[in-house]
Amino acid sequence: MGESTIEIRRVQMTGGSSYIITLPKDWVKTVNIGKNDPIGLLQQPDGTLLVTPKMDKEQTKRSIRFKVENGAKQSFLFRKLIGAYIAGFNAITIESKPRIQPKTRSTIRRFIQTTIGQEVVEETDTTITVKDLLNPSEMPFHRTIKRMHIIVKGMYEDTTTALKTHDKNLAEDVIKRDGEIDRLHWLVARQHRIIQQNVNFVEKMGITVDTATTSYLISRILERIGDHVNRIAEYVILLLNNEIDDTIVKKVEYGNGKSLTLLNKSIGAFTKKEIKEANETIELSEELENLCEDIDKLALKQDAAVAISLGYIVESIRRIGEYAEDISETVINHLIGREKI
């Protein structure tokens, strides 16, 4: 039976009150269903009925093994470890002969420190096994999104304060916090992938597949916003080495405030399920664009070093505003999709 083929089957009635539909024979054989075996049925908000032979409520156990050769690039190993984490593997084994090199052990420690729930459970001279000790269902999507928003909001506010008060240490602290956003986004990406692999996990988390996908999309946008806040902080540090016109500082401060307001409103619309608030966020974005153009004009009148740093800062302010629009559009699409027809 082809993956893209839709088979039409007619509903029959038996006993005057029971509705029956036969299952495709090829599918039954593929998933090894026998007589009297239980089948799971999961109804979706759009009326779709998911049929699954997986009746266990626990996460499917999956493992993967990476063989690392001496001299291999550690950046590649790290990306593979993150990929396995997001893909939903419960156990990751790293193998290297004749023995695991110190740099490989360092990469594994970095992986554990930058992900949530991963710990070394077994270690020899030639292998290290990392397992997931976190139950993903204990970390609801909405809480993770809320935490990401709080962290990004705090980073953005501190970046503005650093520019206003010439506090280089505060700007450097903002940069250090960016890794926490990545950790939380990778967790959401992992949960989203697990849901795609096991629909029973949707029921366990008490959400729908659509809500999980929407949460993942918003998480990805928040991660990118975090990158832009980090970028602003980097150029604020460079600006602090130069004399800056107070007018420009106030304009940047105002721009940061405007884009942060858009972000707060967009996340608020998601949290409160407010489609009107999401739409208001999109309509308010034009004012931010005009403000960014004003700062660009002021930047052109400054020395080269100041002008370049301001240019990058303004571009990130603009992008944060656009990302806030993206969140609002995602919220609107999600809420419209939940409307009862």
C-alpha atoms as a PDB file:
ATOM      1  CA  MET A   1       0.000   0.000   0.000  1.00  0.00           C
ATOM      2  CA  GLY A   2       1.607   3.323  -1.079  1.00  0.00           C
ATOM      3  CA  GLU A   3       2.186   5.961   1.579  1.00  0.00           C
ATOM      4  CA  SER A   4       0.359   8.661  -0.379  1.00  0.00           C
ATOM      5  CA  THR A   5      -2.584   6.469  -1.426  1.00  0.00           C
ATOM      6  CA  ILE A   6      -5.971   7.138   0.160  1.00  0.00           C
ATOM      7  CA  GLU A   7      -8.193   4.089   0.273  1.00  0.00           C
ATOM      8  CA  ILE A   8     -11.941   4.667   0.272  1.00  0.00           C
ATOM      9  CA  ARG A   9     -13.810   2.299   2.559  1.00  0.00           C
ATOM     10  CA  ARG A  10     -17.531   2.384   3.208  1.00  0.00           C
ATOM     11  CA  VAL A  11     -18.973   2.349   6.723  1.00  0.00           C
ATOM     12  CA  GLN A  12     -21.190  -0.635   7.447  1.00  0.00           C
ATOM     13  CA  MET A  13     -23.720  -1.181  10.209  1.00  0.00           C
ATOM     14  CA  THR A  14     -24.113  -4.313  12.258  1.00  0.00           C
ATOM     15  CA  GLY A  15     -26.663  -5.164  14.909  1.00  0.00           C
ATOM     16  CA  GLY A  16     -28.588  -2.021  14.070  1.00  0.00           C
ATOM     17  CA  SER A  17     -26.415   0.238  16.228  1.00  0.00           C
ATOM     18  CA  SER A  18     -22.707  -0.478  15.621  1.00  0.00           C
ATOM     19  CA  TYR A  19     -20.688   1.083  12.784  1.00  0.00           C
ATOM     20  CA  ILE A  20     -17.894  -1.002  11.240  1.00  0.00           C
ATOM     21  CA  ILE A  21     -15.048  -0.237   8.816  1.00  0.00           C
ATOM     22  CA  THR A  22     -12.406  -2.743   7.698  1.00  0.00           C
ATOM     23  CA  LEU A  23      -8.659  -2.089   8.078  1.00  0.00           C
ATOM     24  CA  PRO A  24      -6.267  -2.246   5.096  1.00  0.00           C
ATOM     25  CA  LYS A  25      -4.751  -5.741   4.922  1.00  0.00           C
ATOM     26  CA  ASP A  26      -1.245  -4.513   4.015  1.00  0.00           C
ATOM     27  CA  TRP A  27      -1.205  -2.130   6.986  1.00  0.00           C
ATOM     28  CA  VAL A  28      -2.365  -4.865   9.376  1.00  0.00           C
ATOM     29  CA  LYS A  29       0.485  -7.103   8.219  1.00  0.00           C
ATOM     30  CA  THR A  30       3.062  -4.302   8.320  1.00  0.00           C
ATOM     31  CA  VAL A  31       2.353  -3.366  11.949  1.00  0.00           C
ATOM     32  CA  ASN A  32       1.825  -7.027  12.895  1.00  0.00           C
ATOM     33  CA  ILE A  33      -1.725  -6.842  14.257  1.00  0.00           C
ATOM     34  CA  GLY A  34      -3.296 -10.139  15.283  1.00  0.00           C
ATOM     35  CA  LYS A  35      -6.784 -11.286  16.147  1.00  0.00           C
ATOM     36  CA  ASN A  36      -8.211  -9.588  19.294  1.00  0.00           C
ATOM     37  CA  ASP A  37      -5.255  -7.164  19.487  1.00  0.00           C
ATOM     38  CA  PRO A  38      -6.242  -3.717  20.854  1.00  0.00           C
ATOM     39  CA  ILE A  39      -6.193  -0.727  18.492  1.00  0.00           C
ATOM     40  CA  GLY A  40      -5.922   2.855  19.709  1.00  0.00           C
ATOM     41  CA  LEU A  41      -8.238   5.534  18.320  1.00  0.00           C
ATOM     42  CA  LEU A  42      -7.408   9.181  18.972  1.00  0.00           C
ATOM     43  CA  GLN A  43      -9.919  11.824  17.848  1.00  0.00           C
ATOM     44  CA  GLN A  44      -8.503  15.177  16.695  1.00  0.00           C
ATOM     45  CA  PRO A  45     -10.251  18.595  16.941  1.00  0.00           C
ATOM     46  CA  ASP A  46     -10.627  18.779  13.142  1.00  0.00           C
ATOM     47  CA  GLY A  47     -12.545  15.495  13.084  1.00  0.00           C
ATOM     48  CA  THR A  48      -9.586  13.369  11.986  1.00  0.00           C
ATOM     49  CA  LEU A  49      -9.367   9.964  13.655  1.00  0.00           C
ATOM     50  CA  LEU A  50      -5.864   8.613  14.263  1.00  0.00           C
ATOM     51  CA  VAL A  51      -5.548   4.827  14.339  1.00  0.00           C
ATOM     52  CA  THR A  52      -2.490   3.416  16.107  1.00  0.00           C
ATOM     53  CA  PRO A  53      -1.368  -0.099  17.043  1.00  0.00           C
ATOM     54  CA  LYS A  54       0.776   1.411  19.844  1.00  0.00           C
ATOM     55  CA  MET A  55      -1.305   1.101  22.977  1.00  0.00           C
ATOM     56  CA  ASP A  56       1.545   1.584  25.452  1.00  0.00           C
ATOM     57  CA  LYS A  57       1.420   4.990  27.105  1.00  0.00           C
ATOM     58  CA  GLU A  58       5.152   5.263  27.602  1.00  0.00           C
ATOM     59  CA  GLN A  59       7.615   6.896  25.284  1.00  0.00           C
ATOM     60  CA  THR A  60       9.054   4.537  22.668  1.00  0.00           C
ATOM     61  CA  LYS A  61      12.572   3.497  23.662  1.00  0.00           C
ATOM     62  CA  ARG A  62      15.097   4.288  20.947  1.00  0.00           C
ATOM     63  CA  SER A  63      18.886   4.133  20.977  1.00  0.00           C
ATOM     64  CA  ILE A  64      21.664   5.183  18.612  1.00  0.00           C
ATOM     65  CA  ARG A  65      25.439   4.613  18.481  1.00  0.00           C
ATOM     66  CA  PHE A  66      28.095   6.965  17.093  1.00  0.00           C
ATOM     67  CA  LYS A  67      31.595   5.713  16.243  1.00  0.00           C
ATOM     68  CA  VAL A  68      34.175   8.487  16.577  1.00  0.00           C
ATOM     69  CA  GLU A  69      37.527   8.189  14.851  1.00  0.00           C
ATOM     70  CA  ASN A  70      40.622   9.826  16.284  1.00  0.00           C
ATOM     71  CA  GLY A  71      41.094  13.198  14.606  1.00  0.00           C
ATOM     72  CA  ALA A  72      37.387  13.624  13.830  1.00  0.00           C
ATOM     73  CA  LYS A  73      35.983  17.157  14.130  1.00  0.00           C
ATOM     74  CA  GLN A  74      34.344  17.660  17.502  1.00  0.00           C
ATOM     75  CA  SER A  75      31.933  20.243  16.080  1.00  0.00           C
ATOM     76  CA  PHE A  76      30.481  17.515  13.847  1.00  0.00           C
ATOM     77  CA  LEU A  77      30.106  15.129  16.806  1.00  0.00           C
ATOM     78  CA  PHE A  78      28.348  17.834  18.821  1.00  0.00           C
ATOM     79  CA  ARG A  79      25.878  18.478  15.997  1.00  0.00           C
ATOM     80  CA  LYS A  80      25.150  14.755  15.734  1.00  0.00           C
ATOM     81  CA  LEU A  81      24.532  14.540  19.479  1.00  0.00           C
ATOM     82  CA  ILE A  82      22.109  17.481  19.339  1.00  0.00           C
ATOM     83  CA  GLY A  83      20.441  15.905  16.309  1.00  0.00           C
ATOM     84  CA  ALA A  84      19.973  12.607  18.160  1.00  0.00           C
ATOM     85  CA  TYR A  85      18.585  14.471  21.175  1.00  0.00           C
ATOM     86  CA  ILE A  86      16.030  16.372  19.080  1.00  0.00           C
ATOM     87  CA  ALA A  87      15.168  13.202  17.142  1.00  0.00           C
ATOM     88  CA  GLY A  88      13.958  11.706  20.436  1.00  0.00           C
ATOM     89  CA  PHE A  89      16.589   9.027  21.106  1.00  0.00           C
ATOM     90  CA  ASN A  90      16.550   7.887  24.751  1.00  0.00           C
ATOM     91  CA  ALA A  91      20.065   6.441  24.767  1.00  0.00           C
ATOM     92  CA  ILE A  92      23.125   7.666  22.864  1.00  0.00           C
ATOM     93  CA  THR A  93      26.332   5.651  22.877  1.00  0.00           C
ATOM     94  CA  ILE A  94      29.628   7.155  21.728  1.00  0.00           C
ATOM     95  CA  GLU A  95      32.344   4.651  20.825  1.00  0.00           C
ATOM     96  CA  SER A  96      36.002   5.242  19.998  1.00  0.00           C
ATOM     97  CA  LYS A  97      38.976   2.851  19.814  1.00  0.00           C
ATOM     98  CA  PRO A  98      41.527   2.234  21.185  1.00  0.00           C
ATOM     99  CA  ARG A  99      40.113   4.684  23.767  1.00  0.00           C
ATOM    100  CA  ILE A 100      37.945   7.804  23.922  1.00  0.00           C
ATOM    101  CA  GLN A 101      40.083  10.921  23.592  1.00  0.00           C
ATOM    102  CA  PRO A 102      39.878  13.770  26.179  1.00  0.00           C
ATOM    103  CA  LYS A 103      38.520  16.174  23.541  1.00  0.00           C
ATOM    104  CA  THR A 104      35.671  13.747  22.800  1.00  0.00           C
ATOM    105  CA  ARG A 105      34.861  13.500  26.506  1.00  0.00           C
ATOM    106  CA  SER A 106      34.864  17.310  26.624  1.00  0.00           C
ATOM    107  CA  THR A 107      32.363  17.436  23.712  1.00  0.00           C
ATOM    108  CA  ILE A 108      30.078  14.962  25.505  1.00  0.00           C
ATOM    109  CA  ARG A 109      30.212  17.066  28.692  1.00  0.00           C
ATOM    110  CA  ARG A 110      29.333  20.148  26.643  1.00  0.00           C
ATOM    111  CA  PHE A 111      26.370  18.268  25.131  1.00  0.00           C
ATOM    112  CA  ILE A 112      25.096  17.282  28.585  1.00  0.00           C
ATOM    113  CA  GLN A 113      25.475  20.849  29.879  1.00  0.00           C
ATOM    114  CA  THR A 114      23.590  22.345  26.930  1.00  0.00           C
ATOM    115  CA  THR A 115      20.637  19.941  26.934  1.00  0.00           C
ATOM    116  CA  ILE A 116      17.993  19.083  29.517  1.00  0.00           C
ATOM    117  CA  GLY A 117      17.719  15.671  31.167  1.00  0.00           C
ATOM    118  CA  GLN A 118      20.807  14.023  29.613  1.00  0.00           C
ATOM    119  CA  GLU A 119      23.249  12.195  31.906  1.00  0.00           C
ATOM    120  CA  VAL A 120      26.114   9.715  31.518  1.00  0.00           C
ATOM    121  CA  VAL A 121      24.908   6.336  32.835  1.00  0.00           C
ATOM    122  CA  GLU A 122      27.726   4.087  31.649  1.00  0.00           C
ATOM    123  CA  GLU A 123      31.378   4.755  30.856  1.00  0.00           C
ATOM    124  CA  THR A 124      34.392   2.640  29.835  1.00  0.00           C
ATOM    125  CA  ASP A 125      37.697   3.385  28.142  1.00  0.00           C
ATOM    126  CA  THR A 126      36.085   2.963  24.718  1.00  0.00           C
ATOM    127  CA  THR A 127      32.391   3.860  25.187  1.00  0.00           C
ATOM    128  CA  ILE A 128      30.201   6.413  26.906  1.00  0.00           C
ATOM    129  CA  THR A 129      26.419   6.022  27.092  1.00  0.00           C
ATOM    130  CA  VAL A 130      24.178   9.010  27.694  1.00  0.00           C
ATOM    131  CA  LYS A 131      20.529   8.494  28.646  1.00  0.00           C
ATOM    132  CA  ASP A 132      17.538  10.779  28.946  1.00  0.00           C
ATOM    133  CA  LEU A 133      16.414  10.867  32.590  1.00  0.00           C
ATOM    134  CA  LEU A 134      13.653  13.431  32.043  1.00  0.00           C
ATOM    135  CA  ASN A 135      10.043  12.501  31.421  1.00  0.00           C
ATOM    136  CA  PRO A 136       9.158  14.901  28.571  1.00  0.00           C
ATOM    137  CA  SER A 137       5.487  14.941  29.605  1.00  0.00           C
ATOM    138  CA  GLU A 138       6.500  16.671  32.848  1.00  0.00           C
ATOM    139  CA  MET A 139       7.575  19.782  30.904  1.00  0.00           C
ATOM    140  CA  PRO A 140       4.380  21.209  29.308  1.00  0.00           C
ATOM    141  CA  PHE A 141       4.890  23.250  26.155  1.00  0.00           C
ATOM    142  CA  HIS A 142       3.172  26.365  27.498  1.00  0.00           C
ATOM    143  CA  ARG A 143       5.460  26.503  30.531  1.00  0.00           C
ATOM    144  CA  THR A 144       8.579  26.202  28.407  1.00  0.00           C
ATOM    145  CA  ILE A 145       7.354  28.946  26.053  1.00  0.00           C
ATOM    146  CA  LYS A 146       6.601  31.160  29.062  1.00  0.00           C
ATOM    147  CA  ARG A 147      10.069  30.574  30.482  1.00  0.00           C
ATOM    148  CA  MET A 148      11.727  31.317  27.131  1.00  0.00           C
ATOM    149  CA  HIS A 149       9.769  34.553  26.887  1.00  0.00           C
ATOM    150  CA  ILE A 150      10.759  35.636  30.395  1.00  0.00           C
ATOM    151  CA  ILE A 151      14.441  34.980  29.679  1.00  0.00           C
ATOM    152  CA  VAL A 152      14.390  36.814  26.317  1.00  0.00           C
ATOM    153  CA  LYS A 153      12.470  39.713  27.861  1.00  0.00           C
ATOM    154  CA  GLY A 154      15.009  40.030  30.679  1.00  0.00           C
ATOM    155  CA  MET A 155      17.921  39.870  28.244  1.00  0.00           C
ATOM    156  CA  TYR A 156      16.390  42.596  26.070  1.00  0.00           C
ATOM    157  CA  GLU A 157      15.633  44.890  29.004  1.00  0.00           C
ATOM    158  CA  ASP A 158      19.173  44.473  30.367  1.00  0.00           C
ATOM    159  CA  THR A 159      20.659  45.227  26.940  1.00  0.00           C
ATOM    160  CA  THR A 160      18.793  48.536  26.887  1.00  0.00           C
ATOM    161  CA  THR A 161      19.937  49.306  30.430  1.00  0.00           C
ATOM    162  CA  ALA A 162      23.542  48.467  29.518  1.00  0.00           C
ATOM    163  CA  LEU A 163      23.484  51.000  26.672  1.00  0.00           C
ATOM    164  CA  LYS A 164      21.795  53.658  28.772  1.00  0.00           C
ATOM    165  CA  THR A 165      24.110  53.269  31.808  1.00  0.00           C
ATOM    166  CA  HIS A 166      27.291  52.300  29.907  1.00  0.00           C
ATOM    167  CA  ASP A 167      27.394  48.996  31.803  1.00  0.00           C
ATOM    168  CA  LYS A 168      29.650  46.683  29.795  1.00  0.00           C
ATOM    169  CA  ASN A 169      29.447  43.875  32.371  1.00  0.00           C
ATOM    170  CA  LEU A 170      25.650  43.773  32.091  1.00  0.00           C
ATOM    171  CA  ALA A 171      25.853  43.495  28.292  1.00  0.00           C
ATOM    172  CA  GLU A 172      28.347  40.637  28.629  1.00  0.00           C
ATOM    173  CA  ASP A 173      26.007  38.872  31.055  1.00  0.00           C
ATOM    174  CA  VAL A 174      23.213  39.087  28.467  1.00  0.00           C
ATOM    175  CA  ILE A 175      25.407  37.216  25.983  1.00  0.00           C
ATOM    176  CA  LYS A 176      26.007  34.419  28.498  1.00  0.00           C
ATOM    177  CA  ARG A 177      22.263  33.874  28.931  1.00  0.00           C
ATOM    178  CA  ASP A 178      21.623  33.089  25.273  1.00  0.00           C
ATOM    179  CA  GLY A 179      22.553  29.426  25.774  1.00  0.00           C
ATOM    180  CA  GLU A 180      19.560  28.903  28.067  1.00  0.00           C
ATOM    181  CA  ILE A 181      17.220  29.844  25.220  1.00  0.00           C
ATOM    182  CA  ASP A 182      18.845  27.204  23.002  1.00  0.00           C
ATOM    183  CA  ARG A 183      18.447  24.533  25.697  1.00  0.00           C
ATOM    184  CA  LEU A 184      14.738  25.197  26.055  1.00  0.00           C
ATOM    185  CA  HIS A 185      14.140  25.334  22.296  1.00  0.00           C
ATOM    186  CA  TRP A 186      15.898  22.000  21.804  1.00  0.00           C
ATOM    187  CA  LEU A 187      13.656  20.505  24.498  1.00  0.00           C
ATOM    188  CA  VAL A 188      10.523  21.717  22.686  1.00  0.00           C
ATOM    189  CA  ALA A 189      11.906  20.408  19.374  1.00  0.00           C
ATOM    190  CA  ARG A 190      12.555  17.027  21.036  1.00  0.00           C
ATOM    191  CA  GLN A 191       9.045  16.828  22.505  1.00  0.00           C
ATOM    192  CA  HIS A 192       7.522  17.782  19.159  1.00  0.00           C
ATOM    193  CA  ARG A 193       9.458  15.017  17.409  1.00  0.00           C
ATOM    194  CA  ILE A 194       8.445  12.438  20.047  1.00  0.00           C
ATOM    195  CA  ILE A 195       4.790  13.383  19.509  1.00  0.00           C
ATOM    196  CA  GLN A 196       5.196  12.784  15.780  1.00  0.00           C
ATOM    197  CA  GLN A 197       6.590   9.331  16.532  1.00  0.00           C
ATOM    198  CA  ASN A 198       4.033   8.314  19.158  1.00  0.00           C
ATOM    199  CA  VAL A 199       0.543   9.824  19.072  1.00  0.00           C
ATOM    200  CA  ASN A 200      -0.199   8.400  22.532  1.00  0.00           C
ATOM    201  CA  PHE A 201       2.232  10.988  23.883  1.00  0.00           C
ATOM    202  CA  VAL A 202      -0.221  13.692  22.778  1.00  0.00           C
ATOM    203  CA  GLU A 203      -2.863  12.318  25.127  1.00  0.00           C
ATOM    204  CA  LYS A 204      -0.328  12.017  27.944  1.00  0.00           C
ATOM    205  CA  MET A 205       0.596  15.707  27.651  1.00  0.00           C
ATOM    206  CA  GLY A 206      -3.050  16.720  27.362  1.00  0.00           C
ATOM    207  CA  ILE A 207      -2.653  18.664  24.109  1.00  0.00           C
ATOM    208  CA  THR A 208      -3.353  18.302  20.405  1.00  0.00           C
ATOM    209  CA  VAL A 209      -0.853  17.712  17.608  1.00  0.00           C
ATOM    210  CA  ASP A 210      -1.672  21.172  16.246  1.00  0.00           C
ATOM    211  CA  THR A 211      -0.928  22.832  19.597  1.00  0.00           C
ATOM    212  CA  ALA A 212       2.375  20.970  19.804  1.00  0.00           C
ATOM    213  CA  THR A 213       3.333  22.138  16.309  1.00  0.00           C
ATOM    214  CA  THR A 214       2.325  25.732  17.078  1.00  0.00           C
ATOM    215  CA  SER A 215       4.387  25.654  20.285  1.00  0.00           C
ATOM    216  CA  TYR A 216       7.382  24.363  18.354  1.00  0.00           C
ATOM    217  CA  LEU A 217       7.069  27.133  15.741  1.00  0.00           C
ATOM    218  CA  ILE A 218       6.858  29.825  18.447  1.00  0.00           C
ATOM    219  CA  SER A 219       9.785  28.279  20.313  1.00  0.00           C
ATOM    220  CA  ARG A 220      11.900  28.420  17.166  1.00  0.00           C
ATOM    221  CA  ILE A 221      11.018  32.100  16.664  1.00  0.00           C
ATOM    222  CA  LEU A 222      11.864  32.909  20.304  1.00  0.00           C
ATOM    223  CA  GLU A 223      15.230  31.188  19.852  1.00  0.00           C
ATOM    224  CA  ARG A 224      15.943  33.428  16.851  1.00  0.00           C
ATOM    225  CA  ILE A 225      14.829  36.509  18.779  1.00  0.00           C
ATOM    226  CA  GLY A 226      17.281  35.489  21.501  1.00  0.00           C
ATOM    227  CA  ASP A 227      20.032  35.407  18.875  1.00  0.00           C
ATOM    228  CA  HIS A 228      19.176  38.970  17.812  1.00  0.00           C
ATOM    229  CA  VAL A 229      19.122  40.221  21.409  1.00  0.00           C
ATOM    230  CA  ASN A 230      22.533  38.602  21.821  1.00  0.00           C
ATOM    231  CA  ARG A 231      23.687  40.395  18.683  1.00  0.00           C
ATOM    232  CA  ILE A 232      22.439  43.744  19.975  1.00  0.00           C
ATOM    233  CA  ALA A 233      24.354  43.188  23.219  1.00  0.00           C
ATOM    234  CA  GLU A 234      27.553  42.473  21.272  1.00  0.00           C
ATOM    235  CA  TYR A 235      27.293  45.741  19.337  1.00  0.00           C
ATOM    236  CA  VAL A 236      26.304  47.670  22.451  1.00  0.00           C
ATOM    237  CA  ILE A 237      29.658  46.621  23.899  1.00  0.00           C
ATOM    238  CA  LEU A 238      31.395  48.018  20.814  1.00  0.00           C
ATOM    239  CA  LEU A 239      29.374  51.241  21.015  1.00  0.00           C
ATOM    240  CA  LEU A 240      30.432  51.786  24.608  1.00  0.00           C
ATOM    241  CA  ASN A 241      34.004  52.288  23.365  1.00  0.00           C
ATOM    242  CA  ASN A 242      32.876  55.431  21.523  1.00  0.00           C
ATOM    243  CA  GLU A 243      31.111  58.700  22.250  1.00  0.00           C
ATOM    244  CA  ILE A 244      27.411  58.294  21.488  1.00  0.00           C
ATOM    245  CA  ASP A 245      24.922  61.080  20.907  1.00  0.00           C
ATOM    246  CA  ASP A 246      22.214  61.044  23.608  1.00  0.00           C
ATOM    247  CA  THR A 247      19.574  61.453  20.909  1.00  0.00           C
ATOM    248  CA  ILE A 248      20.661  58.180  19.334  1.00  0.00           C
ATOM    249  CA  VAL A 249      20.715  56.386  22.684  1.00  0.00           C
ATOM    250  CA  LYS A 250      17.154  57.510  23.377  1.00  0.00           C
ATOM    251  CA  LYS A 251      16.029  56.455  19.891  1.00  0.00           C
ATOM    252  CA  VAL A 252      17.566  52.997  20.299  1.00  0.00           C
ATOM    253  CA  GLU A 253      16.057  52.712  23.767  1.00  0.00           C
ATOM    254  CA  TYR A 254      12.657  53.643  22.361  1.00  0.00           C
ATOM    255  CA  GLY A 255      13.076  51.163  19.490  1.00  0.00           C
ATOM    256  CA  ASN A 256      13.993  48.380  21.891  1.00  0.00           C
ATOM    257  CA  GLY A 257      10.916  49.193  23.952  1.00  0.00           C
ATOM    258  CA  LYS A 258       8.638  49.165  20.907  1.00  0.00           C
ATOM    259  CA  SER A 259       9.872  45.818  19.581  1.00  0.00           C
ATOM    260  CA  LEU A 260       9.729  44.321  23.086  1.00  0.00           C
ATOM    261  CA  THR A 261       6.128  45.512  23.418  1.00  0.00           C
ATOM    262  CA  LEU A 262       5.273  43.749  20.153  1.00  0.00           C
ATOM    263  CA  LEU A 263       6.930  40.581  21.425  1.00  0.00           C
ATOM    264  CA  ASN A 264       5.095  40.729  24.758  1.00  0.00           C
ATOM    265  CA  LYS A 265       1.739  41.251  23.039  1.00  0.00           C
ATOM    266  CA  SER A 266       2.314  38.388  20.613  1.00  0.00           C
ATOM    267  CA  ILE A 267       3.202  35.949  23.413  1.00  0.00           C
ATOM    268  CA  GLY A 268       0.276  37.291  25.437  1.00  0.00           C
ATOM    269  CA  ALA A 269      -2.043  36.527  22.512  1.00  0.00           C
ATOM    270  CA  PHE A 270      -0.726  32.947  22.435  1.00  0.00           C
ATOM    271  CA  THR A 271      -1.070  32.477  26.200  1.00  0.00           C
ATOM    272  CA  LYS A 272      -4.548  33.981  26.412  1.00  0.00           C
ATOM    273  CA  LYS A 273      -5.666  32.572  23.042  1.00  0.00           C
ATOM    274  CA  GLU A 274      -6.636  36.103  21.942  1.00  0.00           C
ATOM    275  CA  ILE A 275      -6.915  36.407  18.182  1.00  0.00           C
ATOM    276  CA  LYS A 276      -7.727  40.142  18.338  1.00  0.00           C
ATOM    277  CA  GLU A 277      -4.594  40.888  20.347  1.00  0.00           C
ATOM    278  CA  ALA A 278      -2.529  38.946  17.832  1.00  0.00           C
ATOM    279  CA  ASN A 279      -3.975  41.053  15.028  1.00  0.00           C
ATOM    280  CA  GLU A 280      -3.296  44.293  16.945  1.00  0.00           C
ATOM    281  CA  THR A 281       0.367  43.315  17.240  1.00  0.00           C
ATOM    282  CA  ILE A 282       0.667  42.987  13.471  1.00  0.00           C
ATOM    283  CA  GLU A 283      -0.996  46.355  12.886  1.00  0.00           C
ATOM    284  CA  LEU A 284       1.305  48.108  15.400  1.00  0.00           C
ATOM    285  CA  SER A 285       4.469  46.919  13.642  1.00  0.00           C
ATOM    286  CA  GLU A 286       4.431  49.741  11.061  1.00  0.00           C
ATOM    287  CA  GLU A 287       5.362  52.297  13.726  1.00  0.00           C
ATOM    288  CA  LEU A 288       8.492  50.313  14.601  1.00  0.00           C
ATOM    289  CA  GLU A 289       9.567  50.233  10.959  1.00  0.00           C
ATOM    290  CA  ASN A 290       9.337  54.032  10.729  1.00  0.00           C
ATOM    291  CA  LEU A 291      11.362  54.380  13.931  1.00  0.00           C
ATOM    292  CA  CYS A 292      14.104  52.102  12.587  1.00  0.00           C
ATOM    293  CA  GLU A 293      14.355  54.246   9.467  1.00  0.00           C
ATOM    294  CA  ASP A 294      14.836  57.347  11.651  1.00  0.00           C
ATOM    295  CA  ILE A 295      17.689  55.688  13.555  1.00  0.00           C
ATOM    296  CA  ASP A 296      19.300  54.598  10.279  1.00  0.00           C
ATOM    297  CA  LYS A 297      19.341  58.220   9.109  1.00  0.00           C
ATOM    298  CA  LEU A 298      20.958  59.363  12.374  1.00  0.00           C
ATOM    299  CA  ALA A 299      23.536  56.580  12.127  1.00  0.00           C
ATOM    300  CA  LEU A 300      24.729  57.782   8.715  1.00  0.00           C
ATOM    301  CA  LYS A 301      25.852  61.062  10.325  1.00  0.00           C
ATOM    302  CA  GLN A 302      28.124  59.296  12.853  1.00  0.00           C
ATOM    303  CA  ASP A 303      31.702  58.061  12.666  1.00  0.00           C
ATOM    304  CA  ALA A 304      32.197  54.797  10.779  1.00  0.00           C
ATOM    305  CA  ALA A 305      32.622  52.599  13.897  1.00  0.00           C
ATOM    306  CA  VAL A 306      29.475  53.995  15.524  1.00  0.00           C
ATOM    307  CA  ALA A 307      27.480  53.911  12.270  1.00  0.00           C
ATOM    308  CA  ILE A 308      28.313  50.244  11.609  1.00  0.00           C
ATOM    309  CA  SER A 309      27.391  49.125  15.130  1.00  0.00           C
ATOM    310  CA  LEU A 310      24.156  51.134  15.026  1.00  0.00           C
ATOM    311  CA  GLY A 311      23.298  49.648  11.661  1.00  0.00           C
ATOM    312  CA  TYR A 312      23.507  46.111  13.013  1.00  0.00           C
ATOM    313  CA  ILE A 313      21.566  47.053  16.155  1.00  0.00           C
ATOM    314  CA  VAL A 314      18.758  48.645  14.154  1.00  0.00           C
ATOM    315  CA  GLU A 315      18.551  45.650  11.840  1.00  0.00           C
ATOM    316  CA  SER A 316      18.135  43.340  14.841  1.00  0.00           C
ATOM    317  CA  ILE A 317      15.476  45.620  16.364  1.00  0.00           C
ATOM    318  CA  ARG A 318      13.622  45.463  13.051  1.00  0.00           C
ATOM    319  CA  ARG A 319      13.970  41.678  12.859  1.00  0.00           C
ATOM    320  CA  ILE A 320      12.674  41.221  16.429  1.00  0.00           C
ATOM    321  CA  GLY A 321       9.590  43.223  15.471  1.00  0.00           C
ATOM    322  CA  GLU A 322       9.113  41.065  12.381  1.00  0.00           C
ATOM    323  CA  TYR A 323       9.489  37.901  14.429  1.00  0.00           C
ATOM    324  CA  ALA A 324       6.835  39.206  16.827  1.00  0.00           C
ATOM    325  CA  GLU A 325       4.573  39.544  13.778  1.00  0.00           C
ATOM    326  CA  ASP A 326       5.399  35.950  12.818  1.00  0.00           C
ATOM    327  CA  ILE A 327       4.361  34.756  16.272  1.00  0.00           C
ATOM    328  CA  SER A 328       1.071  36.651  15.999  1.00  0.00           C
ATOM    329  CA  GLU A 329       0.383  35.217  12.556  1.00  0.00           C
ATOM    330  CA  THR A 330       1.133  31.731  13.882  1.00  0.00           C
ATOM    331  CA  VAL A 331      -1.280  32.325  16.770  1.00  0.00           C
ATOM    332  CA  ILE A 332      -4.021  33.527  14.400  1.00  0.00           C
ATOM    333  CA  ASN A 333      -3.571  30.491  12.144  1.00  0.00           C
ATOM    334  CA  HIS A 334      -3.662  28.192  15.162  1.00  0.00           C
ATOM    335  CA  LEU A 335      -6.784  29.766  16.712  1.00  0.00           C
ATOM    336  CA  ILE A 336      -8.649  29.899  13.396  1.00  0.00           C
ATOM    337  CA  GLY A 337      -7.853  26.219  12.909  1.00  0.00           C
ATOM    338  CA  ARG A 338      -9.488  25.454  16.259  1.00  0.00           C
ATOM    339  CA  GLU A 339     -12.751  27.167  15.335  1.00  0.00           C
ATOM    340  CA  LYS A 340     -15.675  24.761  15.172  1.00  0.00           C
ATOM    341  CA  ILE A 341     -17.186  24.538  11.736  1.00  0.00           C
END
